[in-house]
Amino acid sequence: MYMEANEISRKLLNTEYVYCLSNSSFSADILKVGWTRHNPAYRANQLYTTGLPTPFKIEFLILTQHGRSLEGRIHEYLSRCRVNGSREFFNISISELREVLTNKFSLTLVELSDIIDYLPKQDNTSRRKKKQTSLYKPITPIHSNVEEDPLVDSREVDNIFDQFCYRPSPPNTPPKTAGRFDRFIYRPTSS
């Protein structure tokens, strides 16, 4: 379906999206119906997690001003097809779902390719910067023999794993003073 550029821009100004996703790892008749205020392509990507061998495919979208309520009405209508009561997956073919949405709900289904160039871009850089400054501050070791240990680089240790990893002492090295976590250091037993 081809839409004019001005019509698309106008519709996408304050648009929410109800989406239909499929996944080739599932049966062809298992579809996810959900909604988002953001770019639906990013939402599909978010759902592609380590538990899935293949990414989701956006079958079609519905442009709306009331995504949550429309999604709820669709879910209620499709309740007999729901795979799991706590998930948004339905056992229905794509053609049957298209027919229900166009004939029963009188909705216009839009292909992602028709609007992809007009979708909002998601900026992840501000989120990343926020996380780095607020959550991931460098850790200053409580007890560190960085200068004394020839196996550790002399720059400041800012990674928590570097503080606690096992580093065997070179032979004939006097024992270090006991550190806070020394009792947790792995010490191989001699045979």
N, C-alpha and C. Protein backbone atom coordinates (compact mmCIF):
# COMPACT_ATOMS: atom_id res chain seq x y z
N MET A 1 0.85 -1.17 0.00
CA MET A 1 0.00 0.00 0.00
C MET A 1 0.89 1.24 0.00
N TYR A 2 0.69 2.14 -0.93
CA TYR A 2 1.51 3.32 -1.05
C TYR A 2 0.79 4.52 -0.42
N MET A 3 1.48 5.23 0.45
CA MET A 3 0.90 6.42 1.08
C MET A 3 1.72 7.64 0.67
N GLU A 4 1.08 8.77 0.52
CA GLU A 4 1.76 10.01 0.17
C GLU A 4 2.65 10.47 1.34
N ALA A 5 3.78 11.11 1.04
CA ALA A 5 4.74 11.54 2.06
C ALA A 5 4.12 12.50 3.06
N ASN A 6 3.32 13.46 2.61
CA ASN A 6 2.69 14.41 3.52
C ASN A 6 1.71 13.72 4.47
N GLU A 7 0.96 12.77 3.93
CA GLU A 7 0.00 12.04 4.75
C GLU A 7 0.73 11.22 5.81
N ILE A 8 1.84 10.60 5.43
CA ILE A 8 2.63 9.81 6.37
C ILE A 8 3.18 10.70 7.46
N SER A 9 3.80 11.82 7.09
CA SER A 9 4.38 12.73 8.09
C SER A 9 3.33 13.23 9.07
N ARG A 10 2.15 13.56 8.56
CA ARG A 10 1.07 14.05 9.42
C ARG A 10 0.62 12.96 10.39
N LYS A 11 0.47 11.74 9.89
CA LYS A 11 0.01 10.64 10.73
C LYS A 11 1.04 10.25 11.80
N LEU A 12 2.32 10.40 11.49
CA LEU A 12 3.35 9.96 12.41
C LEU A 12 3.71 10.99 13.48
N LEU A 13 3.12 12.17 13.42
CA LEU A 13 3.46 13.24 14.35
C LEU A 13 3.29 12.81 15.80
N ASN A 14 2.13 12.34 16.19
CA ASN A 14 1.87 11.86 17.55
C ASN A 14 1.32 10.44 17.51
N THR A 15 1.95 9.62 16.72
CA THR A 15 1.43 8.29 16.47
C THR A 15 1.98 7.26 17.43
N GLU A 16 1.12 6.33 17.78
CA GLU A 16 1.52 5.11 18.47
C GLU A 16 1.32 3.98 17.47
N TYR A 17 1.95 2.87 17.72
CA TYR A 17 1.94 1.77 16.75
C TYR A 17 1.46 0.49 17.41
N VAL A 18 0.47 -0.13 16.82
CA VAL A 18 0.12 -1.50 17.18
C VAL A 18 0.79 -2.34 16.10
N TYR A 19 1.54 -3.34 16.53
CA TYR A 19 2.33 -4.13 15.57
C TYR A 19 1.95 -5.60 15.64
N CYS A 20 2.21 -6.27 14.54
CA CYS A 20 2.07 -7.71 14.46
C CYS A 20 3.44 -8.26 14.08
N LEU A 21 3.97 -9.13 14.92
CA LEU A 21 5.29 -9.71 14.68
C LEU A 21 5.19 -11.22 14.50
N SER A 22 6.04 -11.74 13.65
CA SER A 22 6.18 -13.18 13.52
C SER A 22 7.64 -13.52 13.75
N ASN A 23 7.91 -14.79 13.97
CA ASN A 23 9.29 -15.23 14.16
C ASN A 23 9.42 -16.61 13.53
N SER A 24 10.42 -16.78 12.68
CA SER A 24 10.58 -18.05 11.98
C SER A 24 10.94 -19.19 12.93
N SER A 25 11.30 -18.90 14.16
CA SER A 25 11.57 -19.94 15.15
C SER A 25 10.28 -20.52 15.72
N PHE A 26 9.16 -19.82 15.52
CA PHE A 26 7.87 -20.28 16.01
C PHE A 26 7.09 -20.89 14.85
N SER A 27 5.97 -21.50 15.20
CA SER A 27 5.03 -21.97 14.19
C SER A 27 4.56 -20.76 13.38
N ALA A 28 4.21 -20.97 12.13
CA ALA A 28 3.77 -19.86 11.26
C ALA A 28 2.52 -19.18 11.80
N ASP A 29 1.74 -19.88 12.62
CA ASP A 29 0.50 -19.31 13.14
C ASP A 29 0.65 -18.72 14.55
N ILE A 30 1.87 -18.51 15.01
CA ILE A 30 2.09 -17.86 16.30
C ILE A 30 2.54 -16.43 16.01
N LEU A 31 1.71 -15.47 16.41
CA LEU A 31 1.99 -14.06 16.16
C LEU A 31 1.98 -13.28 17.46
N LYS A 32 2.77 -12.25 17.53
CA LYS A 32 2.78 -11.34 18.67
C LYS A 32 2.09 -10.05 18.25
N VAL A 33 1.13 -9.62 19.05
CA VAL A 33 0.44 -8.36 18.81
C VAL A 33 0.70 -7.48 20.02
N GLY A 34 1.33 -6.33 19.78
CA GLY A 34 1.66 -5.42 20.86
C GLY A 34 1.57 -3.99 20.40
N TRP A 35 2.01 -3.06 21.24
CA TRP A 35 1.98 -1.65 20.87
C TRP A 35 3.22 -0.95 21.42
N THR A 36 3.56 0.15 20.80
CA THR A 36 4.69 0.96 21.26
C THR A 36 4.47 2.40 20.85
N ARG A 37 5.07 3.31 21.59
CA ARG A 37 5.06 4.73 21.22
C ARG A 37 6.29 5.07 20.37
N HIS A 38 7.23 4.16 20.34
CA HIS A 38 8.51 4.41 19.69
C HIS A 38 8.58 3.70 18.35
N ASN A 39 9.71 3.80 17.71
CA ASN A 39 9.92 3.14 16.43
C ASN A 39 9.68 1.63 16.58
N PRO A 40 8.73 1.07 15.85
CA PRO A 40 8.42 -0.36 16.01
C PRO A 40 9.58 -1.28 15.61
N ALA A 41 10.45 -0.82 14.73
CA ALA A 41 11.61 -1.64 14.36
C ALA A 41 12.55 -1.81 15.56
N TYR A 42 12.70 -0.76 16.38
CA TYR A 42 13.50 -0.88 17.59
C TYR A 42 12.82 -1.81 18.59
N ARG A 43 11.51 -1.75 18.67
CA ARG A 43 10.78 -2.63 19.58
C ARG A 43 10.97 -4.08 19.17
N ALA A 44 10.86 -4.37 17.90
CA ALA A 44 11.07 -5.74 17.42
C ALA A 44 12.48 -6.21 17.76
N ASN A 45 13.43 -5.32 17.63
CA ASN A 45 14.82 -5.65 17.95
C ASN A 45 15.00 -5.90 19.45
N GLN A 46 14.30 -5.12 20.30
CA GLN A 46 14.38 -5.33 21.75
C GLN A 46 13.89 -6.72 22.13
N LEU A 47 12.89 -7.21 21.44
CA LEU A 47 12.31 -8.51 21.76
C LEU A 47 13.18 -9.67 21.30
N TYR A 48 14.14 -9.41 20.44
CA TYR A 48 15.05 -10.44 19.95
C TYR A 48 16.15 -10.62 20.99
N THR A 49 15.93 -11.58 21.90
CA THR A 49 16.85 -11.78 23.02
C THR A 49 17.62 -13.08 22.85
N THR A 50 18.45 -13.39 23.83
CA THR A 50 19.28 -14.59 23.75
C THR A 50 18.47 -15.88 23.73
N GLY A 51 17.19 -15.82 24.13
CA GLY A 51 16.35 -17.01 24.10
C GLY A 51 15.78 -17.32 22.74
N LEU A 52 16.03 -16.47 21.76
CA LEU A 52 15.48 -16.67 20.41
C LEU A 52 16.60 -16.79 19.39
N PRO A 53 16.57 -17.82 18.57
CA PRO A 53 17.62 -17.97 17.55
C PRO A 53 17.46 -17.06 16.34
N THR A 54 16.24 -16.55 16.12
CA THR A 54 16.00 -15.69 14.95
C THR A 54 15.28 -14.42 15.37
N PRO A 55 15.48 -13.32 14.64
CA PRO A 55 14.82 -12.06 14.99
C PRO A 55 13.34 -12.06 14.59
N PHE A 56 12.60 -11.13 15.18
CA PHE A 56 11.19 -10.95 14.82
C PHE A 56 11.08 -10.21 13.50
N LYS A 57 10.01 -10.48 12.78
CA LYS A 57 9.69 -9.79 11.52
C LYS A 57 8.40 -9.02 11.74
N ILE A 58 8.38 -7.75 11.36
CA ILE A 58 7.17 -6.95 11.46
C ILE A 58 6.30 -7.28 10.26
N GLU A 59 5.15 -7.89 10.51
CA GLU A 59 4.24 -8.26 9.43
C GLU A 59 3.46 -7.04 8.94
N PHE A 60 2.96 -6.24 9.87
CA PHE A 60 2.25 -5.00 9.54
C PHE A 60 2.11 -4.16 10.79
N LEU A 61 1.72 -2.91 10.59
CA LEU A 61 1.53 -1.95 11.67
C LEU A 61 0.16 -1.31 11.54
N ILE A 62 -0.32 -0.80 12.65
CA ILE A 62 -1.54 0.01 12.66
C ILE A 62 -1.14 1.33 13.31
N LEU A 63 -1.33 2.42 12.60
CA LEU A 63 -1.03 3.75 13.13
C LEU A 63 -2.25 4.24 13.88
N THR A 64 -2.06 4.66 15.11
CA THR A 64 -3.18 5.06 15.95
C THR A 64 -2.76 6.12 16.96
N GLN A 65 -3.72 6.80 17.53
CA GLN A 65 -3.46 7.75 18.61
C GLN A 65 -3.68 7.08 19.97
N HIS A 66 -4.21 5.85 19.96
CA HIS A 66 -4.60 5.17 21.19
C HIS A 66 -4.09 3.73 21.17
N GLY A 67 -2.77 3.57 21.16
CA GLY A 67 -2.15 2.25 21.02
C GLY A 67 -2.53 1.27 22.10
N ARG A 68 -2.46 1.70 23.35
CA ARG A 68 -2.73 0.78 24.46
C ARG A 68 -4.18 0.28 24.42
N SER A 69 -5.12 1.19 24.22
CA SER A 69 -6.53 0.77 24.24
C SER A 69 -6.87 -0.08 23.01
N LEU A 70 -6.31 0.26 21.85
CA LEU A 70 -6.56 -0.56 20.66
C LEU A 70 -5.96 -1.95 20.84
N GLU A 71 -4.74 -2.00 21.36
CA GLU A 71 -4.11 -3.30 21.63
C GLU A 71 -4.99 -4.11 22.58
N GLY A 72 -5.52 -3.49 23.63
CA GLY A 72 -6.38 -4.19 24.58
C GLY A 72 -7.64 -4.75 23.94
N ARG A 73 -8.25 -3.97 23.05
CA ARG A 73 -9.46 -4.44 22.35
C ARG A 73 -9.14 -5.62 21.44
N ILE A 74 -8.00 -5.54 20.76
CA ILE A 74 -7.59 -6.64 19.87
C ILE A 74 -7.31 -7.90 20.70
N HIS A 75 -6.58 -7.73 21.81
CA HIS A 75 -6.28 -8.87 22.68
C HIS A 75 -7.56 -9.50 23.22
N GLU A 76 -8.50 -8.67 23.61
CA GLU A 76 -9.77 -9.19 24.12
C GLU A 76 -10.50 -10.00 23.05
N TYR A 77 -10.54 -9.48 21.83
CA TYR A 77 -11.20 -10.19 20.74
C TYR A 77 -10.50 -11.51 20.43
N LEU A 78 -9.15 -11.52 20.52
CA LEU A 78 -8.38 -12.72 20.19
C LEU A 78 -8.12 -13.62 21.40
N SER A 79 -8.78 -13.38 22.51
CA SER A 79 -8.49 -14.12 23.75
C SER A 79 -8.58 -15.63 23.57
N ARG A 80 -9.47 -16.09 22.73
CA ARG A 80 -9.60 -17.54 22.49
C ARG A 80 -8.37 -18.11 21.78
N CYS A 81 -7.57 -17.24 21.16
CA CYS A 81 -6.37 -17.68 20.43
C CYS A 81 -5.09 -17.49 21.23
N ARG A 82 -5.19 -16.92 22.41
CA ARG A 82 -3.99 -16.59 23.21
C ARG A 82 -3.24 -17.86 23.58
N VAL A 83 -1.93 -17.85 23.37
CA VAL A 83 -1.08 -19.01 23.65
C VAL A 83 -0.87 -19.15 25.16
N ASN A 84 -0.64 -18.03 25.83
CA ASN A 84 -0.37 -18.01 27.26
C ASN A 84 -1.05 -16.77 27.82
N GLY A 85 -1.74 -16.91 28.92
CA GLY A 85 -2.50 -15.80 29.49
C GLY A 85 -1.67 -14.58 29.86
N SER A 86 -0.38 -14.76 30.08
CA SER A 86 0.46 -13.62 30.48
C SER A 86 1.37 -13.13 29.35
N ARG A 87 1.14 -13.62 28.15
CA ARG A 87 1.97 -13.21 27.01
C ARG A 87 1.07 -12.69 25.88
N GLU A 88 1.65 -11.90 25.00
CA GLU A 88 0.90 -11.29 23.89
C GLU A 88 1.06 -12.09 22.60
N PHE A 89 1.11 -13.41 22.71
CA PHE A 89 1.24 -14.28 21.54
C PHE A 89 -0.09 -14.98 21.28
N PHE A 90 -0.42 -15.07 19.99
CA PHE A 90 -1.71 -15.62 19.59
C PHE A 90 -1.52 -16.68 18.52
N ASN A 91 -2.33 -17.73 18.59
CA ASN A 91 -2.28 -18.81 17.62
C ASN A 91 -3.32 -18.51 16.55
N ILE A 92 -2.90 -17.75 15.53
CA ILE A 92 -3.79 -17.32 14.45
C ILE A 92 -2.91 -17.05 13.22
N SER A 93 -3.40 -17.36 12.05
CA SER A 93 -2.61 -17.12 10.84
C SER A 93 -2.58 -15.62 10.52
N ILE A 94 -1.59 -15.22 9.78
CA ILE A 94 -1.46 -13.81 9.40
C ILE A 94 -2.66 -13.38 8.55
N SER A 95 -3.06 -14.23 7.63
CA SER A 95 -4.21 -13.86 6.77
C SER A 95 -5.49 -13.74 7.59
N GLU A 96 -5.69 -14.62 8.55
CA GLU A 96 -6.88 -14.55 9.40
C GLU A 96 -6.85 -13.29 10.28
N LEU A 97 -5.68 -12.96 10.83
CA LEU A 97 -5.55 -11.75 11.65
C LEU A 97 -5.79 -10.50 10.80
N ARG A 98 -5.24 -10.47 9.61
CA ARG A 98 -5.47 -9.34 8.71
C ARG A 98 -6.97 -9.16 8.44
N GLU A 99 -7.65 -10.26 8.19
CA GLU A 99 -9.08 -10.21 7.92
C GLU A 99 -9.86 -9.68 9.13
N VAL A 100 -9.53 -10.16 10.31
CA VAL A 100 -10.21 -9.70 11.53
C VAL A 100 -10.00 -8.20 11.72
N LEU A 101 -8.76 -7.75 11.57
CA LEU A 101 -8.46 -6.34 11.83
C LEU A 101 -9.07 -5.40 10.78
N THR A 102 -9.09 -5.82 9.54
CA THR A 102 -9.66 -4.96 8.50
C THR A 102 -11.18 -5.03 8.45
N ASN A 103 -11.76 -6.22 8.62
CA ASN A 103 -13.22 -6.38 8.51
C ASN A 103 -13.96 -6.12 9.82
N LYS A 104 -13.49 -6.66 10.92
CA LYS A 104 -14.19 -6.51 12.21
C LYS A 104 -13.86 -5.18 12.88
N PHE A 105 -12.59 -4.73 12.76
CA PHE A 105 -12.16 -3.50 13.44
C PHE A 105 -12.09 -2.31 12.49
N SER A 106 -12.23 -2.54 11.21
CA SER A 106 -12.14 -1.48 10.19
C SER A 106 -10.83 -0.69 10.29
N LEU A 107 -9.73 -1.40 10.45
CA LEU A 107 -8.42 -0.76 10.59
C LEU A 107 -7.65 -0.80 9.27
N THR A 108 -6.76 0.16 9.10
CA THR A 108 -5.87 0.18 7.94
C THR A 108 -4.53 -0.39 8.37
N LEU A 109 -4.09 -1.43 7.69
CA LEU A 109 -2.81 -2.06 8.01
C LEU A 109 -1.74 -1.46 7.10
N VAL A 110 -0.61 -1.12 7.70
CA VAL A 110 0.47 -0.43 6.98
C VAL A 110 1.70 -1.32 7.00
N GLU A 111 2.38 -1.39 5.89
CA GLU A 111 3.64 -2.13 5.80
C GLU A 111 4.77 -1.24 6.32
N LEU A 112 5.72 -1.84 7.00
CA LEU A 112 6.86 -1.09 7.54
C LEU A 112 7.62 -0.38 6.42
N SER A 113 7.76 -1.00 5.29
CA SER A 113 8.51 -0.41 4.17
C SER A 113 7.88 0.89 3.68
N ASP A 114 6.55 1.06 3.88
CA ASP A 114 5.88 2.29 3.45
C ASP A 114 6.22 3.49 4.34
N ILE A 115 6.60 3.23 5.58
CA ILE A 115 6.81 4.35 6.51
C ILE A 115 8.20 4.39 7.14
N ILE A 116 9.06 3.45 6.80
CA ILE A 116 10.36 3.32 7.47
C ILE A 116 11.18 4.62 7.42
N ASP A 117 11.13 5.33 6.33
CA ASP A 117 11.92 6.57 6.20
C ASP A 117 11.36 7.70 7.06
N TYR A 118 10.14 7.58 7.53
CA TYR A 118 9.49 8.64 8.29
C TYR A 118 9.43 8.35 9.79
N LEU A 119 9.88 7.17 10.19
CA LEU A 119 9.82 6.80 11.60
C LEU A 119 10.85 7.57 12.40
N PRO A 120 10.55 7.84 13.67
CA PRO A 120 11.51 8.55 14.51
C PRO A 120 12.75 7.70 14.74
N LYS A 121 13.89 8.35 14.73
CA LYS A 121 15.15 7.67 15.01
C LYS A 121 15.34 7.65 16.51
N GLN A 122 15.88 6.55 17.02
CA GLN A 122 16.10 6.44 18.46
C GLN A 122 17.53 6.77 18.76
N ASP A 123 17.73 7.67 19.71
CA ASP A 123 19.07 8.09 20.09
C ASP A 123 19.46 7.38 21.38
N ASN A 124 20.37 6.42 21.27
CA ASN A 124 20.81 5.66 22.43
C ASN A 124 22.02 6.28 23.12
N THR A 125 22.64 7.30 22.50
CA THR A 125 23.85 7.86 23.09
C THR A 125 23.57 8.54 24.42
N SER A 126 22.45 9.25 24.55
CA SER A 126 22.17 9.93 25.82
C SER A 126 21.93 8.91 26.92
N ARG A 127 21.29 7.78 26.62
CA ARG A 127 21.08 6.74 27.62
C ARG A 127 22.41 6.14 28.06
N ARG A 128 23.28 5.87 27.08
CA ARG A 128 24.58 5.30 27.41
C ARG A 128 25.38 6.23 28.30
N LYS A 129 25.42 7.52 27.95
CA LYS A 129 26.16 8.48 28.76
C LYS A 129 25.61 8.57 30.16
N LYS A 130 24.29 8.54 30.29
CA LYS A 130 23.66 8.63 31.59
C LYS A 130 24.06 7.42 32.44
N LYS A 131 24.06 6.23 31.86
CA LYS A 131 24.44 5.03 32.59
C LYS A 131 25.90 5.11 33.03
N GLN A 132 26.76 5.55 32.14
CA GLN A 132 28.18 5.60 32.46
C GLN A 132 28.46 6.57 33.59
N THR A 133 27.80 7.70 33.60
CA THR A 133 28.09 8.68 34.63
C THR A 133 27.43 8.34 35.95
N SER A 134 26.25 7.71 35.93
CA SER A 134 25.57 7.50 37.19
C SER A 134 25.76 6.09 37.76
N LEU A 135 25.85 5.08 36.92
CA LEU A 135 25.90 3.72 37.43
C LEU A 135 27.30 3.10 37.44
N TYR A 136 28.09 3.40 36.46
CA TYR A 136 29.35 2.70 36.30
C TYR A 136 30.53 3.61 36.60
N LYS A 137 30.63 4.01 37.82
CA LYS A 137 31.76 4.84 38.22
C LYS A 137 32.94 3.92 38.46
N PRO A 138 34.16 4.39 38.17
CA PRO A 138 35.32 3.56 38.42
C PRO A 138 35.44 3.21 39.90
N ILE A 139 35.88 2.01 40.19
CA ILE A 139 36.03 1.55 41.56
C ILE A 139 37.47 1.74 41.97
N THR A 140 37.67 2.38 43.09
CA THR A 140 39.01 2.55 43.63
C THR A 140 39.26 1.39 44.58
N PRO A 141 40.31 0.62 44.36
CA PRO A 141 40.57 -0.53 45.21
C PRO A 141 40.83 -0.10 46.65
N ILE A 142 40.32 -0.90 47.60
CA ILE A 142 40.56 -0.62 49.02
C ILE A 142 42.00 -0.99 49.35
N HIS A 143 42.44 -2.11 48.86
CA HIS A 143 43.80 -2.57 49.12
C HIS A 143 44.40 -2.99 47.79
N SER A 144 45.43 -2.34 47.38
CA SER A 144 46.01 -2.68 46.10
C SER A 144 47.52 -2.60 46.17
N ASN A 145 48.14 -3.62 45.66
CA ASN A 145 49.60 -3.64 45.56
C ASN A 145 49.98 -3.55 44.10
N VAL A 146 49.36 -2.63 43.38
CA VAL A 146 49.58 -2.49 41.94
C VAL A 146 51.04 -2.22 41.65
N GLU A 147 51.65 -1.31 42.43
CA GLU A 147 53.05 -0.96 42.17
C GLU A 147 53.97 -2.15 42.45
N GLU A 148 53.60 -2.97 43.43
CA GLU A 148 54.46 -4.09 43.83
C GLU A 148 54.29 -5.31 42.94
N ASP A 149 53.16 -5.46 42.30
CA ASP A 149 52.85 -6.67 41.55
C ASP A 149 53.31 -6.51 40.10
N PRO A 150 54.31 -7.28 39.68
CA PRO A 150 54.82 -7.13 38.31
C PRO A 150 53.83 -7.63 37.25
N LEU A 151 52.83 -8.42 37.64
CA LEU A 151 51.87 -8.95 36.67
C LEU A 151 50.71 -8.00 36.41
N VAL A 152 50.62 -6.92 37.20
CA VAL A 152 49.53 -5.96 37.03
C VAL A 152 50.08 -4.70 36.40
N ASP A 153 49.36 -4.19 35.44
CA ASP A 153 49.74 -2.94 34.80
C ASP A 153 49.75 -1.83 35.86
N SER A 154 50.62 -0.86 35.75
CA SER A 154 50.76 0.16 36.78
C SER A 154 49.65 1.20 36.77
N ARG A 155 48.80 1.24 35.71
CA ARG A 155 47.70 2.20 35.71
C ARG A 155 46.66 1.80 36.74
N GLU A 156 45.84 2.73 37.10
CA GLU A 156 44.85 2.50 38.14
C GLU A 156 43.89 1.38 37.76
N VAL A 157 43.63 0.51 38.69
CA VAL A 157 42.73 -0.61 38.46
C VAL A 157 41.31 -0.09 38.60
N ASP A 158 40.55 -0.11 37.48
CA ASP A 158 39.19 0.41 37.53
C ASP A 158 38.16 -0.65 37.21
N ASN A 159 38.58 -1.85 37.09
CA ASN A 159 37.66 -2.93 36.77
C ASN A 159 37.58 -3.86 37.97
N ILE A 160 36.39 -4.15 38.44
CA ILE A 160 36.23 -4.96 39.63
C ILE A 160 36.84 -6.35 39.48
N PHE A 161 36.83 -6.88 38.26
CA PHE A 161 37.38 -8.21 38.06
C PHE A 161 38.90 -8.21 38.23
N ASP A 162 39.54 -7.11 37.88
CA ASP A 162 40.99 -7.02 38.07
C ASP A 162 41.36 -7.04 39.54
N GLN A 163 40.47 -6.58 40.38
CA GLN A 163 40.77 -6.55 41.82
C GLN A 163 40.77 -7.93 42.44
N PHE A 164 39.95 -8.83 41.90
CA PHE A 164 39.74 -10.10 42.57
C PHE A 164 40.23 -11.31 41.80
N CYS A 165 40.83 -11.13 40.64
CA CYS A 165 41.27 -12.30 39.88
C CYS A 165 42.53 -12.89 40.51
N TYR A 166 42.70 -14.17 40.34
CA TYR A 166 43.85 -14.87 40.91
C TYR A 166 45.09 -14.60 40.08
N ARG A 167 46.11 -14.17 40.76
CA ARG A 167 47.41 -13.97 40.12
C ARG A 167 48.45 -14.67 40.99
N PRO A 168 49.03 -15.76 40.51
CA PRO A 168 50.02 -16.46 41.34
C PRO A 168 51.23 -15.57 41.58
N SER A 169 51.75 -15.66 42.76
CA SER A 169 52.96 -14.88 43.09
C SER A 169 54.17 -15.55 42.46
N PRO A 170 55.11 -14.73 42.00
CA PRO A 170 56.34 -15.33 41.48
C PRO A 170 57.05 -16.09 42.60
N PRO A 171 57.83 -17.11 42.25
CA PRO A 171 58.54 -17.87 43.29
C PRO A 171 59.43 -16.97 44.13
N ASN A 172 59.63 -17.35 45.38
CA ASN A 172 60.48 -16.64 46.35
C ASN A 172 60.03 -15.20 46.58
N THR A 173 58.75 -14.96 46.56
CA THR A 173 58.22 -13.64 46.84
C THR A 173 57.65 -13.64 48.25
N PRO A 174 58.02 -12.65 49.05
CA PRO A 174 57.46 -12.62 50.40
C PRO A 174 55.95 -12.42 50.35
N PRO A 175 55.23 -12.99 51.31
CA PRO A 175 53.77 -12.86 51.29
C PRO A 175 53.34 -11.40 51.45
N LYS A 176 52.25 -11.04 50.78
CA LYS A 176 51.71 -9.68 50.88
C LYS A 176 51.00 -9.54 52.22
N THR A 177 50.80 -8.31 52.62
CA THR A 177 50.00 -8.09 53.82
C THR A 177 48.56 -8.49 53.49
N ALA A 178 47.87 -8.99 54.47
CA ALA A 178 46.52 -9.49 54.23
C ALA A 178 45.60 -8.37 53.79
N GLY A 179 44.90 -8.62 52.68
CA GLY A 179 43.92 -7.67 52.16
C GLY A 179 42.52 -8.07 52.58
N ARG A 180 41.59 -7.24 52.31
CA ARG A 180 40.20 -7.44 52.73
C ARG A 180 39.59 -8.72 52.17
N PHE A 181 39.96 -9.08 50.93
CA PHE A 181 39.34 -10.24 50.28
C PHE A 181 40.33 -11.38 50.08
N ASP A 182 41.45 -11.37 50.74
CA ASP A 182 42.45 -12.41 50.54
C ASP A 182 41.93 -13.80 50.91
N ARG A 183 41.00 -13.88 51.85
CA ARG A 183 40.50 -15.20 52.23
C ARG A 183 39.70 -15.85 51.10
N PHE A 184 39.29 -15.06 50.09
CA PHE A 184 38.52 -15.60 48.97
C PHE A 184 39.40 -15.94 47.76
N ILE A 185 40.68 -15.66 47.82
CA ILE A 185 41.58 -15.94 46.70
C ILE A 185 41.79 -17.44 46.58
N TYR A 186 41.75 -17.92 45.38
CA TYR A 186 41.97 -19.33 45.11
C TYR A 186 43.45 -19.64 45.34
N ARG A 187 43.70 -20.68 46.14
CA ARG A 187 45.06 -21.12 46.40
C ARG A 187 45.13 -22.61 46.08
N PRO A 188 45.82 -22.97 45.03
CA PRO A 188 45.88 -24.41 44.68
C PRO A 188 46.60 -25.18 45.78
N THR A 189 46.14 -26.39 46.03
CA THR A 189 46.79 -27.23 47.03
C THR A 189 47.96 -27.94 46.38
N SER A 190 49.01 -28.12 47.14
CA SER A 190 50.18 -28.81 46.57
C SER A 190 49.99 -30.31 46.79
N SER A 191 50.40 -31.08 45.79
CA SER A 191 50.19 -32.54 45.86
C SER A 191 51.38 -33.22 46.46
